[in-house]
Structure formats: C-alpha cells, structure tokens
Amino acid sequence: MARAPAPVEAAPEIDALEDLPLPRERRRLIGHHGAEKTLLDAYRSGRMHHGWILSGPKGIGKATLAMRFARFVLAHGDPRLPAVERATTLDLPIDNPAFTRVAAGSHGGLLHLRRPWDEKTKRFRQDLPVDEMRRLTRFFGSTAAEGGWRIAIIDAADDLNASSANAILKMLEEPPARALFLVLAHRPGALLPTIRSRCRMLALRPMPVDDIVEGLIDLGLDRGTNRQVLTEAAELADGSLRRAILLIRSGGIAHARQVAAMVEALPRLDPGAIQSLADKIAARNADDLWDIGLDALRDSVAHRLKATATLAGAAALAEAMAAVERDIAQSDALNLERKAAFVAAMRTLAAACGQA
C-alpha cells in the first residue's frame, strides 16, 4: 500500500512572533489615533487617494493599521454607507466576514507582499523580488473580489530592489479602478522620489513608553514579568512595540546592556564576551535581535561621542562608526556572516578609541 505523502508545512511568515497574533489578526490598535482618523476621513470623503505611504520606524504598528484600514474598506465598499458615516474608528467586530477572512489570509480582495521564505536556504530573502511584483500585476489584472476594492499592502518598501520598485511605480502611475496601495516604509526618504510623488504620505510617530507598556500588557507580556521590566523594555525600544516584545522575550535587554558595557570599556576588548554576544544576536533568522544589537551599538557610540574630551578623539570615533555602518550594510547586502561583521565592528571602534 502506497504511503501517503507527508503534509507540506506552511512557510514561515517574516512578521510572526511566537504565540502572538499577526498584524492581520489583531483587532486592537495601540496609539496612532490621529493617523487612523486621517484614513477614515479620507475614505469617507469619497475622494480617497489610491496610494498611501505609511511611514515610521519598524515595529510601531504600520502593518496593524494597514490591515485595519483594509478590513474596513473591504467590509464597507461604498464610502456613502451609513456605517461609514457613523464610524468613529476603523474597528470591525471579530465576527465580521471581512475581519475573519483577512485574519485567515484568505480574502480575495487583499494582497500582502513581504519578503518571501527561501526553502532552499531556509532563510527569508534579503529583498522583495520582482517575482513578487508579478503577483501584484496578476492581482490587479483580475476581477475584483465580489465587485469591490482590491487592496495591496507592500510590507515594506525598504525591501524593494530596483526592478521591484519600478514595477510598483508602473502600477501607481496607472492604477486600476477601485484599487488601493498601502506602502509601508521604515525609511521613506530612501524610496524613489517618483513613488513618493504618487502617494499620499502618512507619518506614524514612534510610540510613547506608556503606549508600549499598554501594548505589552494587551498582548499578555505582563504575565510572569514585572512592571519594571516592561517599562525598561519600552524605554529601550525606540518607540517600537515589536522591539519591546523581543527585548523581553529574547534576553534583548541584557544584550543591549552588554553592548553598552563593551562600548564603554573601549579600547579594551574582551574577545570571548564579544564572540559570545555575536553568536546570540547574529543567529540565523534573528533579524530583530540583530537590529536590537545594532541600535544598542549606535546609541552607545553616540553616548560615548558626547563624553569624548577631544575634538580629534570624537572625529576618529565618528569616522569609525561611519565605516562600521558601511561594512554592516555591505555585509547584509551580500548576505555575509553577521557574527564576523559584529566582531569586526568592535575592533574598528576599539582602534578609534585607542587614538583618543
């Protein structure tokens, strides 16, 4: 008797955090009430722009807001509906069909493009390739689901390469009827000026510490964690709820402290401690932990610069940090080993501090 084929495992999702809801599954939006009202008012006006850039640092809720807006539009396809006129937020009940289908990733009117998983390398792609943009072309070339809106969320524009950026630009230049593009951008200044010019910009601010703590509690991160740790994570998170979650879950608070202590001790180096820390923050598929380590490095060097007594010493350290940034960017672009990049960064900074 033939053996049944093994079930195919679903590919991981790049924005997934274990045991926590994805942005498309979250009903509650923490903060960003002004941005939410801007989107609601624009839709209610009946003259909504077809392209929006939701900008702001990574992890502050751009994807959650984009999904919330998409659900609302898909549920209320006509902005003149009484439900739209009465609405004070973009909230939908969890039993609304648009909510449940978007949460399941199965709504025919929504396409969510992110960096795809590469089954061969067992890593996420470093960019959003043009192959993904071809999905965009097919999506907008088909008949709109249930005769309503078609909404594409580009998550995030920072991951576009030259070819995929040009593909999106073509769609923005000649948008189909009842089409909506929600382009998420961590660094909107890096976008093609032609893409920026064809979209309306909506800037989301980094979340205040109190809002981040509220978000951590809302997600149940307060269970087994005292308020002081929540607050410390929020203060270190640079306005990002996602980063605060990772700081708590991954030992990131301790890692950030280690980085700060290492920079403070320069030009002295502890090679064993550096190698051990690099093993943790440069682990495979630990992109957010890597970002936490780099942000701690940047913050610590900035603090060290302010405390540097001589102009020559400050100049040497600033130049070294600029070199570190270039080397890390090149390492990421070429998909090189991050551990080696971090170790090299500490040596470069140590050499500069030795000149002070």
Protein backbone atom coordinates (compact mmCIF):
# COMPACT_ATOMS: atom_id res chain seq x y z
CA MET A 1 0.00 0.00 0.00
CA ALA A 2 1.42 3.37 -1.01
CA ARG A 3 2.40 5.65 1.82
CA ALA A 4 0.53 8.95 1.95
CA PRO A 5 2.73 11.96 1.21
CA ALA A 6 3.86 13.95 4.21
CA PRO A 7 1.88 17.15 4.71
CA VAL A 8 3.56 20.26 3.38
CA GLU A 9 4.44 22.68 6.14
CA ALA A 10 3.36 26.27 5.67
CA ALA A 11 6.24 28.65 5.03
CA PRO A 12 7.07 30.89 7.99
CA GLU A 13 5.91 34.50 7.91
CA ILE A 14 8.51 37.20 8.37
CA ASP A 15 6.49 39.29 10.82
CA ALA A 16 5.43 36.35 13.00
CA LEU A 17 6.21 36.32 16.72
CA GLU A 18 5.63 33.03 18.51
CA ASP A 19 2.25 32.74 20.24
CA LEU A 20 1.28 36.30 19.35
CA PRO A 21 -1.24 37.46 16.73
CA LEU A 22 -0.03 38.63 13.35
CA PRO A 23 -0.90 42.20 12.31
CA ARG A 24 -3.76 40.86 10.17
CA GLU A 25 -5.17 39.06 13.23
CA ARG A 26 -5.03 41.96 15.67
CA ARG A 27 -8.24 43.83 16.34
CA ARG A 28 -6.87 46.49 18.66
CA LEU A 29 -4.64 49.34 17.53
CA ILE A 30 -2.49 50.87 20.27
CA GLY A 31 -1.98 54.58 19.69
CA HIS A 32 -1.89 56.22 16.22
CA HIS A 33 -5.43 57.55 16.63
CA GLY A 34 -4.67 60.64 14.56
CA ALA A 35 -3.38 58.53 11.65
CA GLU A 36 -6.45 56.28 11.90
CA LYS A 37 -8.76 59.30 11.74
CA THR A 38 -6.89 60.62 8.69
CA LEU A 39 -7.53 57.37 6.82
CA LEU A 40 -11.18 57.20 7.91
CA ASP A 41 -11.84 60.80 6.89
CA ALA A 42 -10.15 60.28 3.53
CA TYR A 43 -12.27 57.22 2.78
CA ARG A 44 -15.46 58.86 3.97
CA SER A 45 -14.82 61.85 1.69
CA GLY A 46 -15.23 59.66 -1.40
CA ARG A 47 -12.08 61.22 -2.90
CA MET A 48 -9.50 58.90 -1.39
CA HIS A 49 -6.04 58.83 -2.96
CA HIS A 50 -5.17 55.45 -4.50
CA GLY A 51 -1.68 55.32 -2.97
CA TRP A 52 -0.62 55.84 0.64
CA ILE A 53 2.80 55.61 2.26
CA LEU A 54 2.53 54.69 5.94
CA SER A 55 5.92 55.69 7.29
CA GLY A 56 7.71 55.31 10.59
CA PRO A 57 10.24 53.12 12.40
CA LYS A 58 9.94 49.35 12.18
CA GLY A 59 7.56 47.71 14.63
CA ILE A 60 5.44 50.73 15.61
CA GLY A 61 2.16 49.38 14.17
CA LYS A 62 2.18 50.32 10.47
CA ALA A 63 1.12 46.84 9.35
CA THR A 64 -1.56 46.63 12.04
CA LEU A 65 -3.02 49.97 10.91
CA ALA A 66 -2.82 48.98 7.24
CA MET A 67 -4.69 45.73 7.92
CA ARG A 68 -7.26 47.59 10.00
CA PHE A 69 -7.88 50.05 7.17
CA ALA A 70 -8.01 47.30 4.55
CA ARG A 71 -10.59 45.35 6.56
CA PHE A 72 -12.76 48.43 6.97
CA VAL A 73 -12.72 49.25 3.25
CA LEU A 74 -13.38 45.63 2.25
CA ALA A 75 -16.29 45.44 4.71
CA HIS A 76 -17.77 48.79 3.64
CA GLY A 77 -17.13 49.01 -0.09
CA ASP A 78 -19.20 52.16 -0.51
CA PRO A 79 -17.98 55.20 1.48
CA ARG A 80 -21.54 56.58 1.46
CA LEU A 81 -22.87 53.72 3.59
CA PRO A 82 -24.48 54.76 6.90
CA ALA A 83 -22.00 52.53 8.75
CA VAL A 84 -19.14 54.56 7.32
CA GLU A 85 -20.84 57.86 8.16
CA ARG A 86 -21.38 56.74 11.76
CA ALA A 87 -17.90 55.27 12.26
CA THR A 88 -15.52 56.97 14.69
CA THR A 89 -12.71 54.42 14.18
CA LEU A 90 -11.78 51.71 11.67
CA ASP A 91 -12.75 48.97 14.13
CA LEU A 92 -14.66 45.88 12.99
CA PRO A 93 -16.09 43.13 15.19
CA ILE A 94 -14.11 39.89 15.01
CA ASP A 95 -17.13 38.03 13.60
CA ASN A 96 -17.38 40.36 10.61
CA PRO A 97 -16.67 38.31 7.44
CA ALA A 98 -14.03 40.79 6.26
CA PHE A 99 -12.25 40.51 9.60
CA THR A 100 -12.25 36.72 9.68
CA ARG A 101 -11.11 36.33 6.06
CA VAL A 102 -8.35 38.92 6.33
CA ALA A 103 -7.20 37.32 9.59
CA ALA A 104 -7.03 33.96 7.82
CA GLY A 105 -5.13 35.45 4.89
CA SER A 106 -7.85 34.32 2.51
CA HIS A 107 -9.65 37.49 1.40
CA GLY A 108 -9.64 37.71 -2.39
CA GLY A 109 -9.57 41.49 -2.30
CA LEU A 110 -6.31 41.79 -0.34
CA LEU A 111 -2.72 41.04 -1.35
CA HIS A 112 0.01 41.31 1.30
CA LEU A 113 3.53 41.33 -0.16
CA ARG A 114 6.51 40.67 2.10
CA ARG A 115 9.99 39.23 1.77
CA PRO A 116 9.39 35.57 0.86
CA TRP A 117 10.85 32.49 2.53
CA ASP A 118 13.53 30.69 0.54
CA GLU A 119 13.03 26.97 1.07
CA LYS A 120 16.49 26.14 -0.29
CA THR A 121 18.47 28.38 2.05
CA LYS A 122 15.94 28.20 4.90
CA ARG A 123 16.11 31.97 5.20
CA PHE A 124 13.98 34.91 4.20
CA ARG A 125 15.01 36.67 1.03
CA GLN A 126 17.05 39.83 1.58
CA ASP A 127 14.75 41.79 -0.72
CA LEU A 128 11.25 41.85 -2.14
CA PRO A 129 11.99 40.43 -5.62
CA VAL A 130 10.33 41.35 -8.87
CA ASP A 131 8.69 37.88 -8.92
CA GLU A 132 6.52 39.06 -6.03
CA MET A 133 5.59 42.16 -8.02
CA ARG A 134 4.29 39.90 -10.80
CA ARG A 135 1.75 38.67 -8.26
CA LEU A 136 0.71 42.32 -7.97
CA THR A 137 0.15 42.53 -11.71
CA ARG A 138 -1.96 39.37 -11.74
CA PHE A 139 -3.90 40.55 -8.70
CA PHE A 140 -4.92 43.87 -10.22
CA GLY A 141 -5.45 42.28 -13.62
CA SER A 142 -8.19 40.02 -12.26
CA THR A 143 -11.79 40.88 -11.49
CA ALA A 144 -12.18 42.46 -8.08
CA ALA A 145 -13.45 40.08 -5.41
CA GLU A 146 -17.20 40.48 -5.02
CA GLY A 147 -17.08 43.52 -7.28
CA GLY A 148 -15.40 45.64 -4.59
CA TRP A 149 -11.99 47.01 -3.78
CA ARG A 150 -8.61 45.46 -4.46
CA ILE A 151 -6.02 46.40 -1.84
CA ALA A 152 -2.30 45.71 -1.93
CA ILE A 153 -0.09 46.13 1.15
CA ILE A 154 3.63 46.44 0.35
CA ASP A 155 5.43 45.43 3.53
CA ALA A 156 7.90 47.02 3.42
CA ALA A 157 9.10 49.33 0.67
CA ASP A 158 12.58 49.31 2.25
CA ASP A 159 12.95 45.74 0.91
CA LEU A 160 12.30 46.64 -2.73
CA ASN A 161 15.15 46.24 -5.21
CA ALA A 162 15.43 48.44 -8.31
CA SER A 163 13.33 46.14 -10.50
CA SER A 164 10.52 45.62 -7.99
CA ALA A 165 10.42 49.34 -7.16
CA ASN A 166 9.96 50.15 -10.85
CA ALA A 167 7.22 47.53 -11.12
CA ILE A 168 5.27 49.18 -8.29
CA LEU A 169 5.83 52.59 -9.83
CA LYS A 170 4.15 51.46 -13.05
CA MET A 171 1.11 50.30 -11.10
CA LEU A 172 0.94 53.59 -9.20
CA GLU A 173 1.17 55.58 -12.42
CA GLU A 174 -1.85 53.84 -13.96
CA PRO A 175 -3.90 52.42 -11.08
CA PRO A 176 -6.97 50.30 -11.87
CA ALA A 177 -10.37 51.47 -10.71
CA ARG A 178 -11.15 50.88 -7.01
CA ALA A 179 -7.52 49.98 -6.31
CA LEU A 180 -5.73 50.93 -3.10
CA PHE A 181 -1.98 50.71 -2.43
CA LEU A 182 -0.76 50.83 1.17
CA VAL A 183 3.02 51.11 1.08
CA LEU A 184 4.77 50.65 4.42
CA ALA A 185 8.14 52.37 4.74
CA HIS A 186 10.56 52.35 7.67
CA ARG A 187 12.78 54.93 5.91
CA PRO A 188 10.57 56.81 3.43
CA GLY A 189 13.44 59.04 2.34
CA ALA A 190 15.06 56.02 0.67
CA LEU A 191 12.06 55.50 -1.62
CA LEU A 192 12.17 56.51 -5.26
CA PRO A 193 11.05 60.16 -5.45
CA THR A 194 8.64 59.12 -8.21
CA ILE A 195 6.94 56.65 -5.84
CA ARG A 196 6.70 59.28 -3.11
CA SER A 197 5.22 61.78 -5.54
CA ARG A 198 2.41 59.40 -6.50
CA CYS A 199 1.36 58.60 -2.94
CA ARG A 200 -0.01 60.50 0.00
CA MET A 201 2.37 60.37 2.97
CA LEU A 202 1.05 59.46 6.41
CA ALA A 203 3.73 59.53 9.09
CA LEU A 204 3.29 57.36 12.19
CA ARG A 205 5.22 58.53 15.22
CA PRO A 206 7.30 56.26 17.48
CA MET A 207 5.11 55.01 20.30
CA PRO A 208 5.41 56.69 23.71
CA VAL A 209 6.66 54.50 26.56
CA ASP A 210 3.20 54.34 28.18
CA ASP A 211 1.60 53.15 24.92
CA ILE A 212 4.24 50.44 24.52
CA VAL A 213 3.66 49.24 28.08
CA GLU A 214 -0.09 49.19 27.36
CA GLY A 215 0.55 47.15 24.22
CA LEU A 216 2.74 44.67 26.10
CA ILE A 217 0.01 44.19 28.70
CA ASP A 218 -2.65 43.87 25.98
CA LEU A 219 -0.62 41.02 24.44
CA GLY A 220 -0.21 39.28 27.79
CA LEU A 221 3.51 40.01 28.14
CA ASP A 222 2.92 41.14 31.72
CA ARG A 223 2.28 37.55 32.82
CA GLY A 224 5.42 36.47 34.66
CA THR A 225 7.11 39.82 34.01
CA ASN A 226 7.08 42.69 36.49
CA ARG A 227 6.15 46.24 35.55
CA GLN A 228 9.72 47.47 35.93
CA VAL A 229 10.93 45.10 33.19
CA LEU A 230 8.06 46.15 30.91
CA THR A 231 8.96 49.80 31.41
CA GLU A 232 12.67 49.19 30.84
CA ALA A 233 11.93 47.31 27.61
CA ALA A 234 9.63 50.13 26.48
CA GLU A 235 12.33 52.72 27.20
CA LEU A 236 14.91 50.75 25.20
CA ALA A 237 12.53 50.01 22.32
CA ASP A 238 12.92 53.32 20.50
CA GLY A 239 9.16 53.67 20.05
CA SER A 240 8.63 50.13 18.69
CA LEU A 241 6.22 47.71 20.35
CA ARG A 242 7.72 44.81 18.37
CA ARG A 243 11.19 45.64 19.61
CA ALA A 244 9.95 45.81 23.20
CA ILE A 245 8.45 42.33 22.81
CA LEU A 246 11.76 40.98 21.52
CA LEU A 247 13.69 42.73 24.28
CA ILE A 248 11.59 40.89 26.86
CA ARG A 249 11.40 37.51 25.14
CA SER A 250 14.89 37.12 23.77
CA GLY A 251 17.03 38.50 26.53
CA GLY A 252 17.46 41.60 24.43
CA ILE A 253 17.56 43.87 27.48
CA ALA A 254 20.63 42.01 28.72
CA HIS A 255 22.14 42.10 25.21
CA ALA A 256 21.64 45.86 24.97
CA ARG A 257 23.32 46.31 28.36
CA GLN A 258 26.22 44.12 27.23
CA VAL A 259 26.74 46.18 24.10
CA ALA A 260 26.69 49.40 26.13
CA ALA A 261 29.23 47.98 28.61
CA MET A 262 31.51 46.86 25.76
CA VAL A 263 31.46 50.29 24.13
CA GLU A 264 32.07 51.99 27.46
CA ALA A 265 35.13 49.77 28.05
CA LEU A 266 36.75 50.58 24.68
CA PRO A 267 39.58 50.47 23.69
CA ARG A 268 39.74 47.41 25.97
CA LEU A 269 38.23 44.33 24.32
CA ASP A 270 37.07 41.03 25.79
CA PRO A 271 37.24 38.75 22.71
CA GLY A 272 35.40 35.89 24.42
CA ALA A 273 32.48 38.08 25.52
CA ILE A 274 32.25 39.67 22.07
CA GLN A 275 32.20 36.29 20.33
CA SER A 276 29.52 35.00 22.74
CA LEU A 277 27.29 38.02 22.24
CA ALA A 278 27.78 37.89 18.46
CA ASP A 279 26.63 34.25 18.46
CA LYS A 280 23.33 35.34 20.02
CA ILE A 281 22.46 38.49 18.11
CA ALA A 282 23.68 37.13 14.75
CA ALA A 283 21.81 33.82 14.95
CA ARG A 284 20.02 32.62 11.83
CA ASN A 285 16.61 34.27 11.30
CA ALA A 286 17.12 36.57 14.30
CA ASP A 287 16.78 39.76 12.27
CA ASP A 288 15.03 41.71 15.02
CA LEU A 289 17.59 40.68 17.64
CA TRP A 290 20.33 41.79 15.24
CA ASP A 291 18.58 45.15 14.89
CA ILE A 292 18.40 45.46 18.68
CA GLY A 293 22.13 44.83 18.95
CA LEU A 294 22.94 47.37 16.24
CA ASP A 295 20.66 50.00 17.77
CA ALA A 296 22.33 49.46 21.15
CA LEU A 297 25.70 49.86 19.45
CA ARG A 298 24.64 53.12 17.76
CA ASP A 299 23.15 54.53 20.95
CA SER A 300 26.23 53.59 22.98
CA VAL A 301 28.64 55.10 20.47
CA ALA A 302 26.54 58.30 20.37
CA HIS A 303 26.74 58.49 24.17
CA ARG A 304 30.49 57.87 24.04
CA LEU A 305 30.90 60.63 21.44
CA LYS A 306 29.22 63.17 23.70
CA ALA A 307 31.60 62.23 26.50
CA THR A 308 34.77 62.31 24.36
CA ALA A 309 37.07 65.01 25.68
CA THR A 310 38.92 65.97 22.50
CA LEU A 311 37.74 67.01 19.07
CA ALA A 312 40.27 64.67 17.44
CA GLY A 313 39.04 61.74 19.50
CA ALA A 314 35.40 62.45 18.65
CA ALA A 315 36.26 62.76 14.95
CA ALA A 316 38.11 59.42 14.97
CA LEU A 317 35.20 57.65 16.68
CA ALA A 318 32.60 59.22 14.36
CA GLU A 319 34.63 58.18 11.32
CA ALA A 320 34.99 54.66 12.68
CA MET A 321 31.23 54.38 13.27
CA ALA A 322 30.56 55.55 9.72
CA ALA A 323 32.90 52.81 8.49
CA VAL A 324 31.08 50.26 10.67
CA GLU A 325 27.72 51.30 9.18
CA ARG A 326 29.09 50.88 5.64
CA ASP A 327 30.59 47.48 6.43
CA ILE A 328 27.38 46.20 8.04
CA ALA A 329 25.26 47.45 5.12
CA GLN A 330 27.59 45.69 2.68
CA SER A 331 27.53 42.52 4.78
CA ASP A 332 23.72 42.46 4.73
CA ALA A 333 23.58 43.25 1.01
CA LEU A 334 25.92 40.35 0.21
CA ASN A 335 24.31 38.05 2.80
CA LEU A 336 27.65 37.61 4.62
CA GLU A 337 28.10 36.26 8.12
CA ARG A 338 26.76 38.77 10.63
CA LYS A 339 28.84 37.42 13.51
CA ALA A 340 32.04 38.35 11.72
CA ALA A 341 30.62 41.79 10.93
CA PHE A 342 29.84 42.47 14.60
CA VAL A 343 33.28 41.31 15.78
CA ALA A 344 34.95 43.46 13.12
CA ALA A 345 32.82 46.44 14.17
CA MET A 346 34.01 46.21 17.78
CA ARG A 347 37.64 46.02 16.64
CA THR A 348 37.21 49.06 14.40
CA LEU A 349 35.67 51.07 17.23
CA ALA A 350 38.36 49.92 19.67
CA ALA A 351 41.10 51.09 17.32
CA ALA A 352 39.44 54.52 17.05
CA CYS A 353 39.06 54.84 20.82
CA GLY A 354 42.73 53.95 21.21
CA GLN A 355 43.58 57.10 19.26
CA ALA A 356 41.68 59.38 21.61
